[in-house]
Amino acid sequence: MTAVVILGLPLCPMASVLHIPCPGCGMTRATLAALHGHFGESFHLHPLAILFTPLLAVYFAAHSVSYIRHGASRVDEFLVGKWVDRALVVLLVAMLGVWIARFFGAFGGPAPV
């Protein structure tokens, strides 16, 4: 990652090839803003970061605890079921909806590429 930054290589393949922001563009900056307590800025950078960041943190923490306790992660065995699949579809639709809405000027417009 350090080499990517030092060499000035693009971090987002979609942004570098198509010159448009991807559905997740701004998510990292929004997460960092939220962690610093700047929730308005976080919402402006990516409105779903406030939702996705805690979900991903809990998911990774659960994997870590499962790995420490069992020597292998068994979280995915627990998460098998229709409710997980439906939740993932809802999150995907929300992410795409925000992405499309931003092209029409909602939520501060497209993230800068």
N, C-alpha and C. Protein backbone atom coordinates (compact mmCIF):
# COMPACT_ATOMS: atom_id res chain seq x y z
N MET A 1 0.83 -1.19 0.00
CA MET A 1 0.00 0.00 0.00
C MET A 1 0.87 1.25 0.00
N THR A 2 1.93 1.23 0.77
CA THR A 2 2.83 2.39 0.82
C THR A 2 3.43 2.66 -0.55
N ALA A 3 3.82 1.60 -1.25
CA ALA A 3 4.39 1.76 -2.59
C ALA A 3 3.38 2.39 -3.55
N VAL A 4 2.13 2.01 -3.41
CA VAL A 4 1.07 2.58 -4.26
C VAL A 4 0.98 4.08 -4.04
N VAL A 5 1.02 4.49 -2.78
CA VAL A 5 0.93 5.92 -2.46
C VAL A 5 2.18 6.66 -2.92
N ILE A 6 3.34 6.09 -2.66
CA ILE A 6 4.61 6.75 -3.03
C ILE A 6 4.72 6.89 -4.55
N LEU A 7 4.32 5.86 -5.28
CA LEU A 7 4.40 5.91 -6.73
C LEU A 7 3.27 6.70 -7.37
N GLY A 8 2.25 7.05 -6.57
CA GLY A 8 1.14 7.83 -7.10
C GLY A 8 0.20 7.03 -7.97
N LEU A 9 0.15 5.71 -7.77
CA LEU A 9 -0.73 4.87 -8.55
C LEU A 9 -2.17 5.04 -8.08
N PRO A 10 -3.14 4.90 -8.97
CA PRO A 10 -4.54 5.04 -8.57
C PRO A 10 -4.96 3.87 -7.67
N LEU A 11 -5.75 4.18 -6.65
CA LEU A 11 -6.21 3.15 -5.72
C LEU A 11 -7.47 2.46 -6.21
N CYS A 12 -8.24 3.12 -7.01
CA CYS A 12 -9.52 2.57 -7.48
C CYS A 12 -9.42 2.24 -8.96
N PRO A 13 -9.49 0.95 -9.31
CA PRO A 13 -9.39 0.59 -10.73
C PRO A 13 -10.50 1.20 -11.59
N MET A 14 -11.72 1.25 -11.05
CA MET A 14 -12.84 1.80 -11.82
C MET A 14 -12.61 3.28 -12.12
N ALA A 15 -12.14 4.01 -11.11
CA ALA A 15 -11.90 5.44 -11.29
C ALA A 15 -10.76 5.67 -12.27
N SER A 16 -9.74 4.82 -12.24
CA SER A 16 -8.61 5.04 -13.14
C SER A 16 -8.92 4.64 -14.58
N VAL A 17 -9.76 3.63 -14.78
CA VAL A 17 -10.07 3.17 -16.13
C VAL A 17 -11.22 3.95 -16.74
N LEU A 18 -12.33 4.11 -15.99
CA LEU A 18 -13.52 4.75 -16.54
C LEU A 18 -13.63 6.24 -16.21
N HIS A 19 -12.79 6.71 -15.29
CA HIS A 19 -12.79 8.11 -14.86
C HIS A 19 -14.11 8.54 -14.24
N ILE A 20 -14.79 7.60 -13.59
CA ILE A 20 -15.98 7.89 -12.79
C ILE A 20 -15.80 7.21 -11.44
N PRO A 21 -16.39 7.77 -10.40
CA PRO A 21 -16.24 7.14 -9.09
C PRO A 21 -17.00 5.81 -9.02
N CYS A 22 -16.44 4.87 -8.28
CA CYS A 22 -17.12 3.58 -8.09
C CYS A 22 -18.16 3.73 -6.97
N PRO A 23 -19.02 2.73 -6.77
CA PRO A 23 -20.03 2.84 -5.71
C PRO A 23 -19.44 3.04 -4.32
N GLY A 24 -18.21 2.62 -4.10
CA GLY A 24 -17.59 2.77 -2.78
C GLY A 24 -16.66 3.96 -2.65
N CYS A 25 -16.52 4.75 -3.72
CA CYS A 25 -15.62 5.91 -3.66
C CYS A 25 -16.04 6.86 -2.54
N GLY A 26 -15.10 7.24 -1.73
CA GLY A 26 -15.35 8.12 -0.60
C GLY A 26 -15.57 7.38 0.71
N MET A 27 -15.70 6.06 0.64
CA MET A 27 -16.00 5.28 1.85
C MET A 27 -14.86 5.35 2.87
N THR A 28 -13.62 5.24 2.41
CA THR A 28 -12.48 5.29 3.33
C THR A 28 -12.37 6.67 3.97
N ARG A 29 -12.48 7.70 3.17
CA ARG A 29 -12.40 9.06 3.71
C ARG A 29 -13.57 9.34 4.65
N ALA A 30 -14.76 8.81 4.32
CA ALA A 30 -15.94 8.99 5.18
C ALA A 30 -15.74 8.27 6.51
N THR A 31 -15.16 7.08 6.48
CA THR A 31 -14.91 6.33 7.70
C THR A 31 -13.91 7.07 8.58
N LEU A 32 -12.85 7.58 7.99
CA LEU A 32 -11.86 8.33 8.77
C LEU A 32 -12.47 9.60 9.36
N ALA A 33 -13.31 10.27 8.61
CA ALA A 33 -13.98 11.47 9.13
C ALA A 33 -14.88 11.11 10.30
N ALA A 34 -15.63 10.02 10.19
CA ALA A 34 -16.51 9.59 11.29
C ALA A 34 -15.71 9.21 12.52
N LEU A 35 -14.58 8.54 12.32
CA LEU A 35 -13.74 8.16 13.46
C LEU A 35 -13.16 9.38 14.17
N HIS A 36 -13.03 10.49 13.45
CA HIS A 36 -12.57 11.74 14.06
C HIS A 36 -13.73 12.58 14.59
N GLY A 37 -14.95 12.07 14.48
CA GLY A 37 -16.11 12.77 15.01
C GLY A 37 -16.75 13.76 14.06
N HIS A 38 -16.32 13.79 12.81
CA HIS A 38 -16.87 14.71 11.82
C HIS A 38 -17.96 13.99 11.02
N PHE A 39 -19.11 13.81 11.64
CA PHE A 39 -20.17 13.01 11.03
C PHE A 39 -20.82 13.69 9.83
N GLY A 40 -20.90 14.99 9.83
CA GLY A 40 -21.45 15.70 8.67
C GLY A 40 -20.56 15.53 7.45
N GLU A 41 -19.26 15.66 7.66
CA GLU A 41 -18.31 15.45 6.57
C GLU A 41 -18.36 13.99 6.10
N SER A 42 -18.48 13.08 7.05
CA SER A 42 -18.56 11.66 6.71
C SER A 42 -19.78 11.39 5.84
N PHE A 43 -20.92 11.94 6.21
CA PHE A 43 -22.14 11.76 5.42
C PHE A 43 -21.99 12.35 4.03
N HIS A 44 -21.32 13.49 3.94
CA HIS A 44 -21.11 14.14 2.65
C HIS A 44 -20.20 13.29 1.75
N LEU A 45 -19.16 12.67 2.31
CA LEU A 45 -18.24 11.86 1.52
C LEU A 45 -18.86 10.56 1.05
N HIS A 46 -19.60 9.89 1.93
CA HIS A 46 -20.35 8.68 1.54
C HIS A 46 -21.40 8.42 2.61
N PRO A 47 -22.68 8.57 2.28
CA PRO A 47 -23.75 8.46 3.27
C PRO A 47 -23.87 7.08 3.93
N LEU A 48 -23.37 6.03 3.30
CA LEU A 48 -23.52 4.70 3.88
C LEU A 48 -22.35 4.28 4.76
N ALA A 49 -21.33 5.11 4.88
CA ALA A 49 -20.17 4.75 5.69
C ALA A 49 -20.55 4.55 7.16
N ILE A 50 -21.48 5.35 7.66
CA ILE A 50 -21.91 5.23 9.06
C ILE A 50 -22.56 3.87 9.30
N LEU A 51 -23.15 3.27 8.27
CA LEU A 51 -23.76 1.95 8.38
C LEU A 51 -22.75 0.84 8.12
N PHE A 52 -21.97 0.97 7.05
CA PHE A 52 -21.06 -0.10 6.65
C PHE A 52 -19.89 -0.29 7.61
N THR A 53 -19.32 0.78 8.12
CA THR A 53 -18.13 0.68 8.95
C THR A 53 -18.37 -0.17 10.21
N PRO A 54 -19.42 0.09 11.00
CA PRO A 54 -19.64 -0.77 12.16
C PRO A 54 -19.95 -2.22 11.79
N LEU A 55 -20.69 -2.42 10.70
CA LEU A 55 -20.99 -3.79 10.27
C LEU A 55 -19.72 -4.56 9.91
N LEU A 56 -18.84 -3.91 9.17
CA LEU A 56 -17.58 -4.56 8.81
C LEU A 56 -16.69 -4.78 10.03
N ALA A 57 -16.68 -3.83 10.95
CA ALA A 57 -15.88 -3.99 12.16
C ALA A 57 -16.36 -5.18 12.98
N VAL A 58 -17.66 -5.32 13.14
CA VAL A 58 -18.21 -6.45 13.89
C VAL A 58 -17.92 -7.76 13.16
N TYR A 59 -18.05 -7.75 11.84
CA TYR A 59 -17.78 -8.96 11.05
C TYR A 59 -16.32 -9.40 11.22
N PHE A 60 -15.38 -8.48 11.09
CA PHE A 60 -13.97 -8.83 11.23
C PHE A 60 -13.62 -9.21 12.66
N ALA A 61 -14.23 -8.54 13.64
CA ALA A 61 -13.99 -8.89 15.04
C ALA A 61 -14.50 -10.30 15.33
N ALA A 62 -15.67 -10.64 14.79
CA ALA A 62 -16.23 -11.98 14.99
C ALA A 62 -15.32 -13.04 14.38
N HIS A 63 -14.78 -12.77 13.20
CA HIS A 63 -13.84 -13.71 12.59
C HIS A 63 -12.59 -13.86 13.45
N SER A 64 -12.08 -12.77 13.97
CA SER A 64 -10.88 -12.82 14.80
C SER A 64 -11.11 -13.63 16.06
N VAL A 65 -12.21 -13.38 16.74
CA VAL A 65 -12.52 -14.11 17.97
C VAL A 65 -12.73 -15.59 17.67
N SER A 66 -13.44 -15.89 16.61
CA SER A 66 -13.67 -17.28 16.22
C SER A 66 -12.35 -17.98 15.90
N TYR A 67 -11.45 -17.29 15.23
CA TYR A 67 -10.16 -17.88 14.89
C TYR A 67 -9.33 -18.14 16.14
N ILE A 68 -9.36 -17.22 17.08
CA ILE A 68 -8.61 -17.39 18.33
C ILE A 68 -9.18 -18.55 19.15
N ARG A 69 -10.50 -18.65 19.20
CA ARG A 69 -11.14 -19.69 20.03
C ARG A 69 -11.08 -21.08 19.39
N HIS A 70 -11.22 -21.16 18.07
CA HIS A 70 -11.36 -22.46 17.42
C HIS A 70 -10.20 -22.83 16.50
N GLY A 71 -9.28 -21.92 16.27
CA GLY A 71 -8.18 -22.20 15.36
C GLY A 71 -8.57 -22.01 13.90
N ALA A 72 -9.81 -21.73 13.66
CA ALA A 72 -10.32 -21.44 12.32
C ALA A 72 -11.59 -20.61 12.48
N SER A 73 -11.88 -19.82 11.49
CA SER A 73 -13.07 -18.98 11.57
C SER A 73 -14.31 -19.80 11.24
N ARG A 74 -15.28 -19.77 12.14
CA ARG A 74 -16.55 -20.47 11.92
C ARG A 74 -17.73 -19.50 11.82
N VAL A 75 -17.44 -18.24 11.62
CA VAL A 75 -18.49 -17.23 11.55
C VAL A 75 -19.39 -17.47 10.34
N ASP A 76 -18.80 -17.84 9.22
CA ASP A 76 -19.60 -18.03 8.01
C ASP A 76 -20.60 -19.17 8.16
N GLU A 77 -20.27 -20.18 8.97
CA GLU A 77 -21.21 -21.26 9.23
C GLU A 77 -22.44 -20.73 9.97
N PHE A 78 -22.23 -19.79 10.88
CA PHE A 78 -23.32 -19.18 11.63
C PHE A 78 -24.15 -18.27 10.76
N LEU A 79 -23.51 -17.61 9.81
CA LEU A 79 -24.20 -16.61 8.99
C LEU A 79 -24.90 -17.18 7.77
N VAL A 80 -24.96 -18.49 7.67
CA VAL A 80 -25.66 -19.11 6.54
C VAL A 80 -27.16 -19.00 6.79
N GLY A 81 -27.86 -18.49 5.83
CA GLY A 81 -29.31 -18.39 5.96
C GLY A 81 -29.88 -17.32 5.06
N LYS A 82 -31.18 -17.36 4.91
CA LYS A 82 -31.85 -16.42 4.02
C LYS A 82 -31.77 -14.99 4.53
N TRP A 83 -31.78 -14.78 5.85
CA TRP A 83 -31.77 -13.40 6.36
C TRP A 83 -30.46 -12.70 6.01
N VAL A 84 -29.36 -13.43 6.00
CA VAL A 84 -28.08 -12.84 5.63
C VAL A 84 -28.07 -12.48 4.15
N ASP A 85 -28.57 -13.40 3.33
CA ASP A 85 -28.63 -13.14 1.90
C ASP A 85 -29.51 -11.93 1.60
N ARG A 86 -30.64 -11.85 2.26
CA ARG A 86 -31.53 -10.70 2.05
C ARG A 86 -30.89 -9.40 2.51
N ALA A 87 -30.20 -9.43 3.64
CA ALA A 87 -29.53 -8.23 4.14
C ALA A 87 -28.44 -7.78 3.17
N LEU A 88 -27.69 -8.72 2.63
CA LEU A 88 -26.65 -8.36 1.67
C LEU A 88 -27.24 -7.76 0.39
N VAL A 89 -28.37 -8.29 -0.06
CA VAL A 89 -29.04 -7.73 -1.24
C VAL A 89 -29.52 -6.31 -0.95
N VAL A 90 -30.08 -6.09 0.22
CA VAL A 90 -30.54 -4.75 0.60
C VAL A 90 -29.37 -3.78 0.64
N LEU A 91 -28.24 -4.20 1.23
CA LEU A 91 -27.06 -3.33 1.29
C LEU A 91 -26.52 -3.04 -0.11
N LEU A 92 -26.52 -4.04 -0.98
CA LEU A 92 -26.05 -3.84 -2.34
C LEU A 92 -26.95 -2.87 -3.10
N VAL A 93 -28.24 -3.03 -2.96
CA VAL A 93 -29.19 -2.12 -3.62
C VAL A 93 -29.03 -0.70 -3.07
N ALA A 94 -28.84 -0.58 -1.76
CA ALA A 94 -28.62 0.75 -1.16
C ALA A 94 -27.35 1.39 -1.71
N MET A 95 -26.29 0.60 -1.81
CA MET A 95 -25.02 1.13 -2.32
C MET A 95 -25.17 1.59 -3.76
N LEU A 96 -25.82 0.79 -4.59
CA LEU A 96 -26.03 1.19 -5.98
C LEU A 96 -26.98 2.37 -6.09
N GLY A 97 -28.00 2.41 -5.23
CA GLY A 97 -28.94 3.54 -5.23
C GLY A 97 -28.25 4.85 -4.89
N VAL A 98 -27.40 4.82 -3.88
CA VAL A 98 -26.65 6.03 -3.51
C VAL A 98 -25.72 6.42 -4.63
N TRP A 99 -25.07 5.45 -5.24
CA TRP A 99 -24.13 5.72 -6.33
C TRP A 99 -24.84 6.42 -7.48
N ILE A 100 -26.00 5.91 -7.88
CA ILE A 100 -26.76 6.52 -8.98
C ILE A 100 -27.29 7.89 -8.58
N ALA A 101 -27.81 8.00 -7.36
CA ALA A 101 -28.35 9.29 -6.89
C ALA A 101 -27.28 10.37 -6.87
N ARG A 102 -26.05 9.98 -6.55
CA ARG A 102 -24.97 10.97 -6.51
C ARG A 102 -24.67 11.54 -7.90
N PHE A 103 -24.87 10.76 -8.93
CA PHE A 103 -24.65 11.28 -10.29
C PHE A 103 -25.67 12.35 -10.64
N PHE A 104 -26.82 12.35 -9.96
CA PHE A 104 -27.85 13.36 -10.19
C PHE A 104 -27.77 14.49 -9.17
N GLY A 105 -26.68 14.54 -8.39
CA GLY A 105 -26.44 15.65 -7.48
C GLY A 105 -26.82 15.41 -6.03
N ALA A 106 -27.40 14.26 -5.71
CA ALA A 106 -27.78 13.97 -4.33
C ALA A 106 -26.53 13.70 -3.49
N PHE A 107 -26.62 13.96 -2.20
CA PHE A 107 -25.55 13.69 -1.25
C PHE A 107 -24.24 14.37 -1.64
N GLY A 108 -24.32 15.54 -2.21
CA GLY A 108 -23.12 16.30 -2.57
C GLY A 108 -22.55 15.96 -3.93
N GLY A 109 -23.25 15.16 -4.71
CA GLY A 109 -22.77 14.81 -6.04
C GLY A 109 -21.74 13.69 -5.99
N PRO A 110 -21.19 13.35 -7.15
CA PRO A 110 -20.21 12.27 -7.21
C PRO A 110 -18.97 12.56 -6.36
N ALA A 111 -18.41 11.51 -5.80
CA ALA A 111 -17.16 11.67 -5.02
C ALA A 111 -16.05 12.10 -5.98
N PRO A 112 -15.16 12.97 -5.50
CA PRO A 112 -14.06 13.37 -6.39
C PRO A 112 -13.15 12.19 -6.68
N VAL A 113 -12.74 12.06 -7.94
CA VAL A 113 -11.88 10.96 -8.35
C VAL A 113 -10.46 11.43 -8.44
